[in-house]
């Protein structure tokens, strides 16, 4: 039994004619008839009633043709998937990815996700850089970067912004902070202490202010100098607090701090978005977008503090 025999058999059952099947498959009625006879001998069942030049599929032939059709479809799927995989492996190109992050709130770990993409498309060269959200977005607009990963939606002429998933920030504070013994922290409790508002977290800053306003609470926001030492001093010496990602690397940067979850009703969801220009004709960009959108394990593979203006 071979694929050609199955194709001839399915077509002959469908059309009820060896001549019509041969015409559709660019073969002769004699070839179709021979293939059917060989199948009948192998399967030891009669597949067609023959009356002169007229043929009619038997009941068992109709049942077997249905199964054969399914098998041929599966084989075609295998062929298509194999060809797609082969084309991926041979696709060439270059892609520049801008990661909008805050270096003082836990790094964005895109390594596993990028490795997935590299494994699927090994001939596409990837260049990535990290910077503040506004700079990354400008890089996309000006064509210096193909795509940016940011927090918050970004609207602009010719810009496409796709929400990927959401993250919830944690609260970082000193182990000696008065709130350190709390399991979870409410926004109302934070109003008693200074809250870090660096210039690189504009989107979240405005969102946080609205949360305080809705709860009729006045926060003590304080701008911190852009250095790890300044942020650590703020938390250790001033009992200051700051919103960060749940990222283990923070404990290497800030020794002596702990992370706390906000209470359920005060948790803030921040959208992580993929931003790119609709006028960007780079084929590697389209490939990357399709890869990201079809791999929904992305949130688990990103260990997340991303920032946006």
Protein backbone atom coordinates (compact mmCIF):
# COMPACT_ATOMS: atom_id res chain seq x y z
CA UNK A 1 0.00 0.00 0.00
CA UNK A 2 1.35 3.42 -0.92
CA UNK A 3 0.17 7.03 -1.00
CA UNK A 4 -0.59 6.97 -4.72
CA UNK A 5 -2.87 3.97 -4.29
CA UNK A 6 -4.72 5.68 -1.45
CA UNK A 7 -5.14 8.89 -3.46
CA UNK A 8 -6.47 6.95 -6.48
CA UNK A 9 -8.80 4.95 -4.22
CA UNK A 10 -10.25 8.01 -2.41
CA UNK A 11 -10.80 9.89 -5.66
CA UNK A 12 -12.43 6.89 -7.36
CA UNK A 13 -14.82 6.37 -4.45
CA UNK A 14 -15.65 10.07 -4.38
CA UNK A 15 -16.41 10.26 -8.10
CA UNK A 16 -17.67 6.71 -8.65
CA UNK A 17 -15.58 6.45 -11.78
CA UNK A 18 -12.05 5.35 -12.65
CA UNK A 19 -12.09 7.59 -15.72
CA UNK A 20 -13.04 10.73 -13.77
CA UNK A 21 -10.55 9.90 -11.01
CA UNK A 22 -7.79 9.48 -13.61
CA UNK A 23 -8.71 12.80 -15.25
CA UNK A 24 -8.56 14.67 -11.90
CA UNK A 25 -5.28 13.05 -10.89
CA UNK A 26 -3.65 13.32 -14.32
CA UNK A 27 -3.52 9.58 -14.74
CA UNK A 28 -5.21 6.92 -16.88
CA UNK A 29 -8.24 4.77 -16.00
CA UNK A 30 -6.03 1.70 -16.39
CA UNK A 31 -3.59 3.03 -13.75
CA UNK A 32 -6.47 3.73 -11.35
CA UNK A 33 -7.96 0.29 -11.96
CA UNK A 34 -4.62 -1.43 -11.37
CA UNK A 35 -4.06 0.46 -8.13
CA UNK A 36 -7.55 -0.49 -6.88
CA UNK A 37 -7.00 -4.15 -7.78
CA UNK A 38 -3.70 -4.18 -5.86
CA UNK A 39 -5.44 -2.68 -2.84
CA UNK A 40 -8.22 -5.25 -3.01
CA UNK A 41 -5.64 -8.04 -3.09
CA UNK A 42 -3.69 -6.57 -0.16
CA UNK A 43 -6.76 -5.81 1.96
CA UNK A 44 -8.59 -8.98 0.85
CA UNK A 45 -11.87 -7.10 0.36
CA UNK A 46 -13.83 -6.08 -2.71
CA UNK A 47 -13.77 -2.31 -3.08
CA UNK A 48 -15.81 -1.84 -6.26
CA UNK A 49 -18.62 -3.60 -8.07
CA UNK A 50 -17.67 -3.80 -11.74
CA UNK A 51 -20.28 -3.91 -14.52
CA UNK A 52 -18.50 -3.55 -17.81
CA UNK A 53 -16.96 -0.08 -17.77
CA UNK A 54 -19.19 1.02 -14.90
CA UNK A 55 -17.91 0.80 -11.31
CA UNK A 56 -19.62 1.36 -7.98
CA UNK A 57 -17.90 1.50 -4.55
CA UNK A 58 -18.93 -1.18 -2.09
CA UNK A 59 -20.15 -0.18 1.44
CA UNK A 60 -16.82 -1.17 2.95
CA UNK A 61 -15.01 0.90 0.31
CA UNK A 62 -16.91 4.00 1.42
CA UNK A 63 -15.90 3.37 5.02
CA UNK A 64 -12.27 2.75 4.12
CA UNK A 65 -12.18 5.77 1.81
CA UNK A 66 -13.21 8.01 4.72
CA UNK A 67 -10.35 6.65 6.85
CA UNK A 68 -7.91 6.89 3.94
CA UNK A 69 -8.92 10.51 3.36
CA UNK A 70 -8.18 11.31 7.02
CA UNK A 71 -4.81 9.59 6.75
CA UNK A 72 -3.92 11.56 3.61
CA UNK A 73 -4.89 14.80 5.37
CA UNK A 74 -2.60 13.96 8.29
CA UNK A 75 0.25 13.19 5.91
CA UNK A 76 -0.34 16.52 4.15
CA UNK A 77 -0.20 18.27 7.53
CA UNK A 78 3.13 16.58 8.20
CA UNK A 79 4.44 17.80 4.86
CA UNK A 80 3.27 21.38 5.43
CA UNK A 81 4.68 21.55 8.97
CA UNK A 82 7.99 20.10 7.81
CA UNK A 83 8.25 22.59 4.97
CA UNK A 84 7.37 25.47 7.31
CA UNK A 85 10.01 24.32 9.79
CA UNK A 86 12.58 24.06 7.02
CA UNK A 87 11.72 27.56 5.76
CA UNK A 88 12.05 28.95 9.29
CA UNK A 89 15.48 27.45 9.68
CA UNK A 90 16.59 29.06 6.43
CA UNK A 91 15.00 32.50 6.94
CA UNK A 92 17.61 35.22 7.19
CA UNK A 93 17.42 38.76 8.46
CA UNK A 94 18.17 41.20 11.24
CA UNK A 95 15.98 42.44 14.09
CA UNK A 96 16.52 45.20 16.64
CA UNK A 97 14.50 44.96 19.87
CA UNK A 98 14.26 47.83 22.39
CA UNK A 99 13.50 46.83 25.98
CA UNK A 100 12.08 49.72 27.98
CA UNK A 101 13.12 49.00 31.55
CA UNK A 102 13.87 50.63 34.85
CA UNK A 103 17.28 49.45 36.07
CA UNK A 104 16.31 50.29 39.66
CA UNK A 105 13.15 48.19 39.77
CA UNK A 106 14.29 44.77 38.62
CA UNK A 107 15.56 43.89 35.20
CA UNK A 108 13.54 42.58 32.31
CA UNK A 109 14.58 39.00 31.59
CA UNK A 110 13.80 38.35 27.94
CA UNK A 111 16.55 35.80 27.53
CA UNK A 112 14.37 32.64 27.45
CA UNK A 113 11.89 34.23 25.01
CA UNK A 114 14.63 35.43 22.69
CA UNK A 115 16.27 32.02 22.88
CA UNK A 116 12.99 30.42 21.77
CA UNK A 117 12.95 32.74 18.77
CA UNK A 118 16.62 32.12 17.99
CA UNK A 119 16.08 28.37 18.11
CA UNK A 120 13.18 28.66 15.65
CA UNK A 121 14.93 31.17 13.37
CA UNK A 122 18.69 30.68 13.84
CA UNK A 123 19.66 32.78 10.80
CA UNK A 124 17.89 35.93 12.01
CA UNK A 125 20.42 38.10 13.83
CA UNK A 126 19.01 39.82 16.94
CA UNK A 127 20.32 43.04 18.44
CA UNK A 128 18.71 44.30 21.65
CA UNK A 129 19.22 47.27 23.93
CA UNK A 130 17.62 48.61 27.11
CA UNK A 131 16.71 52.21 27.86
CA UNK A 132 13.96 54.41 29.23
CA UNK A 133 10.52 54.02 27.69
CA UNK A 134 10.45 57.33 25.85
CA UNK A 135 13.80 56.65 24.20
CA UNK A 136 12.73 53.16 23.12
CA UNK A 137 9.50 54.47 21.61
CA UNK A 138 11.37 57.22 19.77
CA UNK A 139 13.78 54.59 18.47
CA UNK A 140 10.81 52.68 16.99
CA UNK A 141 9.33 55.84 15.46
CA UNK A 142 12.66 56.86 13.95
CA UNK A 143 13.42 53.38 12.65
CA UNK A 144 16.43 52.69 14.89
CA UNK A 145 14.56 49.79 16.53
CA UNK A 146 12.09 47.41 14.89
CA UNK A 147 10.03 46.75 18.01
CA UNK A 148 9.87 47.85 21.64
CA UNK A 149 8.51 46.04 24.71
CA UNK A 150 7.03 48.54 27.16
CA UNK A 151 4.52 49.02 29.94
CA UNK A 152 1.42 50.97 28.99
CA UNK A 153 -0.23 51.66 25.67
CA UNK A 154 1.50 53.96 23.26
CA UNK A 155 -0.44 55.84 20.63
CA UNK A 156 1.02 57.67 17.68
CA UNK A 157 0.69 58.06 13.93
CA UNK A 158 1.69 54.86 12.18
CA UNK A 159 2.31 53.04 15.46
CA UNK A 160 0.76 49.68 16.37
CA UNK A 161 0.55 48.75 20.05
CA UNK A 162 -0.41 45.19 21.03
CA UNK A 163 -1.12 44.23 24.64
CA UNK A 164 0.70 41.00 25.51
CA UNK A 165 -0.15 40.42 29.16
CA UNK A 166 -0.18 42.20 32.54
CA UNK A 167 2.13 42.31 35.54
CA UNK A 168 1.51 43.33 39.16
CA UNK A 169 4.24 45.32 40.94
CA UNK A 170 5.41 44.45 44.46
CA UNK A 171 6.42 46.87 47.22
CA UNK A 172 10.10 46.99 48.26
CA UNK A 173 11.09 48.18 51.70
CA UNK A 174 13.78 47.70 54.35
CA UNK A 175 13.69 44.64 56.59
CA UNK A 176 13.61 47.13 59.49
CA UNK A 177 10.67 49.11 58.08
CA UNK A 178 7.61 49.41 60.38
CA UNK A 179 5.55 47.59 57.73
CA UNK A 180 8.06 44.74 57.31
CA UNK A 181 6.03 42.37 59.50
CA UNK A 182 2.87 42.81 57.44
CA UNK A 183 1.92 39.98 55.08
CA UNK A 184 0.37 42.40 52.60
CA UNK A 185 0.32 46.20 52.49
CA UNK A 186 -2.58 48.56 51.82
CA UNK A 187 -2.21 51.86 49.96
CA UNK A 188 -3.54 53.65 53.03
CA UNK A 189 -0.57 52.36 55.06
CA UNK A 190 1.88 53.63 52.45
CA UNK A 191 0.60 57.19 52.83
CA UNK A 192 2.62 57.48 56.06
CA UNK A 193 5.94 56.90 54.31
CA UNK A 194 7.79 58.45 51.35
CA UNK A 195 7.24 56.65 48.04
CA UNK A 196 9.94 56.70 45.38
CA UNK A 197 8.92 58.34 42.11
CA UNK A 198 11.87 58.18 39.70
CA UNK A 199 11.56 59.99 36.41
CA UNK A 200 11.75 56.72 34.47
CA UNK A 201 8.36 55.41 35.56
CA UNK A 202 5.92 58.02 34.30
CA UNK A 203 3.09 55.69 33.24
CA UNK A 204 2.94 53.91 36.57
CA UNK A 205 3.34 57.17 38.50
CA UNK A 206 0.14 58.62 37.02
CA UNK A 207 -1.72 55.36 37.58
CA UNK A 208 -0.56 55.19 41.20
CA UNK A 209 -1.66 58.77 41.85
CA UNK A 210 -5.16 57.91 40.64
CA UNK A 211 -5.30 54.94 43.03
CA UNK A 212 -4.43 57.18 45.98
CA UNK A 213 -6.94 59.78 44.82
CA UNK A 214 -9.75 57.22 44.58
CA UNK A 215 -9.03 56.22 48.18
CA UNK A 216 -8.92 59.85 49.31
CA UNK A 217 -5.34 59.40 50.49
CA UNK A 218 -2.48 61.86 49.99
CA UNK A 219 0.84 60.13 49.22
CA UNK A 220 4.31 61.44 50.01
CA UNK A 221 5.99 61.08 46.64
CA UNK A 222 9.71 61.75 46.45
CA UNK A 223 11.94 61.88 43.37
CA UNK A 224 15.08 59.78 43.80
CA UNK A 225 18.41 60.37 42.08
CA UNK A 226 19.02 57.79 39.30
CA UNK A 227 21.41 55.44 41.08
CA UNK A 228 21.13 52.18 43.00
CA UNK A 229 22.88 53.75 45.99
CA UNK A 230 20.29 56.54 46.15
CA UNK A 231 17.39 54.08 46.06
CA UNK A 232 18.96 51.86 48.73
CA UNK A 233 19.66 54.85 50.97
CA UNK A 234 16.07 56.02 50.48
CA UNK A 235 14.70 52.69 51.71
CA UNK A 236 17.21 52.04 54.50
CA UNK A 237 17.58 55.54 55.98
CA UNK A 238 14.23 57.22 55.27
CA UNK A 239 11.88 54.24 55.62
CA UNK A 240 11.02 54.88 52.01
CA UNK A 241 9.16 52.37 49.82
CA UNK A 242 9.19 51.73 46.09
CA UNK A 243 7.19 49.69 43.61
CA UNK A 244 9.27 47.04 41.86
CA UNK A 245 9.00 43.80 39.92
CA UNK A 246 9.12 40.45 41.66
CA UNK A 247 12.63 39.82 40.43
CA UNK A 248 15.29 37.93 42.47
CA UNK A 249 18.06 40.11 41.04
CA UNK A 250 16.79 42.98 43.19
CA UNK A 251 18.22 41.32 46.29
CA UNK A 252 21.66 41.49 44.71
CA UNK A 253 21.24 45.21 44.06
CA UNK A 254 19.53 46.07 47.34
CA UNK A 255 20.79 44.01 50.26
CA UNK A 256 18.62 44.27 53.34
CA UNK A 257 15.29 44.75 51.57
CA UNK A 258 12.18 42.59 51.30
CA UNK A 259 9.27 42.50 48.86
CA UNK A 260 5.61 42.66 49.90
CA UNK A 261 2.42 42.20 47.93
CA UNK A 262 -0.22 44.94 48.04
CA UNK A 263 -3.57 43.84 49.48
CA UNK A 264 -5.87 42.40 46.85
CA UNK A 265 -8.02 45.51 46.45
CA UNK A 266 -4.93 47.71 45.99
CA UNK A 267 -3.08 45.61 43.42
CA UNK A 268 -2.33 47.41 40.20
CA UNK A 269 -2.16 45.64 36.86
CA UNK A 270 0.24 47.09 34.32
CA UNK A 271 -0.13 46.13 30.64
CA UNK A 272 3.00 44.93 28.89
CA UNK A 273 2.81 45.92 25.24
CA UNK A 274 4.65 45.31 21.99
CA UNK A 275 5.11 48.52 19.99
CA UNK A 276 6.17 48.77 16.35
CA UNK A 277 5.69 50.91 13.25
CA UNK A 278 3.08 49.72 10.75
CA UNK A 279 5.33 51.09 8.00
CA UNK A 280 8.20 48.80 8.98
CA UNK A 281 8.63 46.32 6.12
CA UNK A 282 11.32 44.21 7.78
CA UNK A 283 10.26 40.54 7.22
CA UNK A 284 12.03 39.57 10.44
CA UNK A 285 9.69 41.87 12.36
CA UNK A 286 6.60 40.11 11.00
CA UNK A 287 8.17 36.79 11.90
CA UNK A 288 8.90 37.98 15.45
CA UNK A 289 5.38 39.36 15.96
CA UNK A 290 3.79 36.11 14.78
CA UNK A 291 6.13 34.10 16.99
CA UNK A 292 5.32 36.15 20.10
CA UNK A 293 1.56 36.10 19.52
CA UNK A 294 1.45 32.36 18.90
CA UNK A 295 3.57 31.47 21.94
CA UNK A 296 1.37 32.20 24.91
CA UNK A 297 3.97 30.98 27.40
CA UNK A 298 5.52 34.44 27.06
CA UNK A 299 4.37 35.82 30.46
CA UNK A 300 5.95 32.90 32.28
CA UNK A 301 9.22 33.33 30.38
CA UNK A 302 9.56 37.03 31.19
CA UNK A 303 10.59 37.98 34.67
CA UNK A 304 9.45 41.41 34.40
CA UNK A 305 10.05 44.96 35.38
CA UNK A 306 9.53 46.92 32.28
CA UNK A 307 8.99 50.63 32.32
CA UNK A 308 7.29 53.23 30.24
CA UNK A 309 6.84 56.98 30.14
